[in-house]
Protein backbone atom coordinates (compact mmCIF):
# COMPACT_ATOMS: atom_id res chain seq x y z
CA MET A 1 109.83 102.36 116.26
CA ILE A 2 109.39 100.62 112.92
CA SER A 3 105.97 99.26 111.98
CA ILE A 4 104.43 97.51 108.97
CA ARG A 5 101.05 98.43 107.54
CA LYS A 6 99.02 98.03 104.38
CA ALA A 7 99.69 100.75 101.81
CA LYS A 8 97.02 103.43 101.56
CA PRO A 9 96.22 106.17 99.03
CA GLY A 10 98.90 108.83 99.21
CA ASP A 11 101.67 106.28 99.85
CA GLU A 12 102.22 105.81 96.13
CA ILE A 13 104.53 108.86 95.96
CA GLU A 14 106.98 107.44 98.51
CA ILE A 15 106.60 103.89 97.19
CA PHE A 16 107.38 105.12 93.69
CA ALA A 17 110.47 106.94 94.99
CA LEU A 18 111.60 103.63 96.51
CA ILE A 19 110.89 101.84 93.21
CA ASN A 20 113.25 104.29 91.53
CA GLU A 21 115.88 103.71 94.23
CA LEU A 22 115.53 99.97 93.62
CA ALA A 23 115.94 100.44 89.86
CA LEU A 24 119.12 102.45 90.49
CA TYR A 25 120.41 99.73 92.86
CA GLU A 26 119.67 97.11 90.19
CA LYS A 27 121.58 99.24 87.63
CA GLU A 28 118.47 99.79 85.49
CA PRO A 29 117.20 103.32 86.32
CA ASP A 30 116.06 103.98 82.75
CA GLU A 31 113.80 100.92 82.72
CA VAL A 32 111.19 102.49 85.01
CA THR A 33 108.36 103.67 82.78
CA ASN A 34 105.60 103.41 85.37
CA THR A 35 104.46 106.57 87.17
CA ALA A 36 103.21 107.31 90.67
CA THR A 37 99.82 108.12 89.12
CA GLU A 38 99.64 104.73 87.42
CA LEU A 39 100.83 103.01 90.59
CA ARG A 40 98.05 104.71 92.56
CA LYS A 41 95.47 103.55 90.02
CA HIS A 42 96.81 99.99 90.01
CA LEU A 43 97.01 99.73 93.80
CA PHE A 44 93.90 101.53 94.97
CA GLU A 45 91.44 101.76 92.06
CA GLU A 46 91.98 98.72 89.85
CA HIS A 47 93.39 96.54 92.67
CA LEU A 48 95.84 94.86 90.29
CA CYS A 49 98.38 94.61 93.08
CA ASP A 50 98.75 95.33 96.75
CA ALA A 51 101.54 96.63 98.94
CA ILE A 52 102.68 96.86 102.51
CA VAL A 53 105.04 99.50 103.80
CA ALA A 54 107.56 99.80 106.60
CA ILE A 55 107.18 103.06 108.52
CA GLU A 56 109.46 104.90 110.92
CA ASN A 57 108.51 108.34 112.23
CA GLN A 58 105.67 108.54 109.66
CA LYS A 59 108.16 108.03 106.81
CA ILE A 60 108.01 105.06 104.45
CA ILE A 61 111.38 103.32 104.59
CA GLY A 62 110.57 100.13 102.70
CA PHE A 63 107.85 98.30 100.82
CA ALA A 64 106.75 94.96 99.44
CA LEU A 65 104.47 94.90 96.40
CA PHE A 66 102.68 91.69 95.43
CA TYR A 67 99.71 90.26 93.58
CA ILE A 68 97.79 87.02 93.28
CA SER A 69 99.14 84.71 90.61
CA TYR A 70 98.08 81.26 89.53
CA SER A 71 99.84 77.94 89.09
CA THR A 72 98.14 75.30 86.98
CA TRP A 73 99.80 72.71 89.21
CA LYS A 74 99.23 74.31 92.61
CA GLY A 75 96.40 76.84 92.27
CA LYS A 76 96.39 80.28 93.92
CA CYS A 77 99.81 81.75 94.64
CA LEU A 78 101.17 85.12 95.70
CA TYR A 79 103.85 86.77 93.60
CA LEU A 80 106.23 89.19 95.34
CA GLU A 81 107.01 91.64 92.55
CA ASP A 82 109.32 93.95 94.43
CA PHE A 83 110.66 94.28 97.91
CA TYR A 84 113.00 97.09 98.97
CA VAL A 85 114.33 98.79 102.08
CA ARG A 86 116.21 102.10 102.02
CA GLN A 87 119.95 101.61 102.40
CA GLU A 88 120.22 103.37 105.76
CA TYR A 89 117.57 101.08 107.29
CA ARG A 90 119.11 97.78 106.26
CA LYS A 91 120.51 95.48 108.94
CA LEU A 92 117.76 96.62 111.34
CA GLY A 93 115.36 93.77 110.58
CA VAL A 94 113.07 95.85 108.35
CA GLY A 95 113.48 93.47 105.42
CA SER A 96 112.62 90.52 107.62
CA MET A 97 109.55 92.33 108.94
CA LEU A 98 108.31 93.02 105.40
CA PHE A 99 109.11 89.53 104.13
CA GLU A 100 107.49 87.81 107.12
CA GLU A 101 104.37 89.95 106.75
CA THR A 102 104.21 89.03 103.05
CA ILE A 103 104.41 85.35 104.04
CA LYS A 104 101.56 85.88 106.52
CA ILE A 105 99.46 87.51 103.80
CA ALA A 106 100.14 84.59 101.44
CA LYS A 107 99.07 82.14 104.12
CA SER A 108 96.00 84.19 105.03
CA ILE A 109 94.68 84.00 101.46
CA LYS A 110 95.51 80.29 101.38
CA ALA A 111 98.12 80.70 98.67
CA LYS A 112 99.90 77.47 97.83
CA ARG A 113 103.16 79.25 97.15
CA LEU A 114 104.98 82.60 97.41
CA ASP A 115 107.12 83.31 94.36
CA TRP A 116 109.65 86.01 93.47
CA LEU A 117 112.75 86.59 91.38
CA VAL A 118 116.19 87.65 92.54
CA LEU A 119 119.04 88.83 90.32
CA ASP A 120 121.86 86.28 90.18
CA TRP A 121 124.47 88.91 91.07
CA ASN A 122 122.57 90.21 94.12
CA ASP A 123 124.40 88.22 96.80
CA ILE A 124 122.93 90.35 99.59
CA ALA A 125 119.38 89.46 98.53
CA ILE A 126 120.27 85.82 97.87
CA ASN A 127 121.78 85.49 101.35
CA PHE A 128 118.73 87.24 102.84
CA TYR A 129 116.36 84.73 101.25
CA ARG A 130 118.55 81.78 102.24
CA LYS A 131 118.59 83.05 105.83
CA HIS A 132 114.80 82.79 105.75
CA GLY A 133 114.92 79.14 104.68
CA THR A 134 113.60 79.71 101.17
CA THR A 135 114.29 77.65 98.07
CA LEU A 136 116.08 79.40 95.22
CA ASP A 137 115.53 77.49 91.99
CA ASN A 138 117.80 78.39 89.09
CA SER A 139 116.51 75.66 86.79
CA TRP A 140 113.93 77.96 85.18
CA ILE A 141 114.65 80.56 82.51
CA ASN A 142 112.46 83.66 82.63
CA GLY A 143 110.67 84.64 79.45
CA ARG A 144 109.35 88.10 78.66
CA ILE A 145 107.89 90.22 75.89
CA SER A 146 107.84 93.96 76.55
CA PHE A 147 105.21 96.22 75.00
CA ASP A 148 106.70 99.64 75.84
């Protein structure tokens, strides 16, 4: 049986392994410079972000990592930074469970919006989000400065 729960200390090792799987899937494995140690500090000590995990037989099979963001127009929002389910567990509803729980969390904190990015070539993810009745807005261009 698959269940969803809030991430807890010790989960960062498996979450970080999934982050690396996601980077490989997104064809950017060398871009991961974070570490499991940093992730632990950010999740459980500094509380910069939060995560939920999907569990089957005491094994983490997926995660959603998010944090509070802010819109000058709307106010408090929740930003879904990453969301990933192991390949062998896809098509079982795990992604929907994680996404729906993230939506519940956003509503519970009275967020005005839930935001995320999806790669334009990732048709599987795009179709997943469309299936959930979301709006995908390609009128914005993402800006970034990296300090690595």
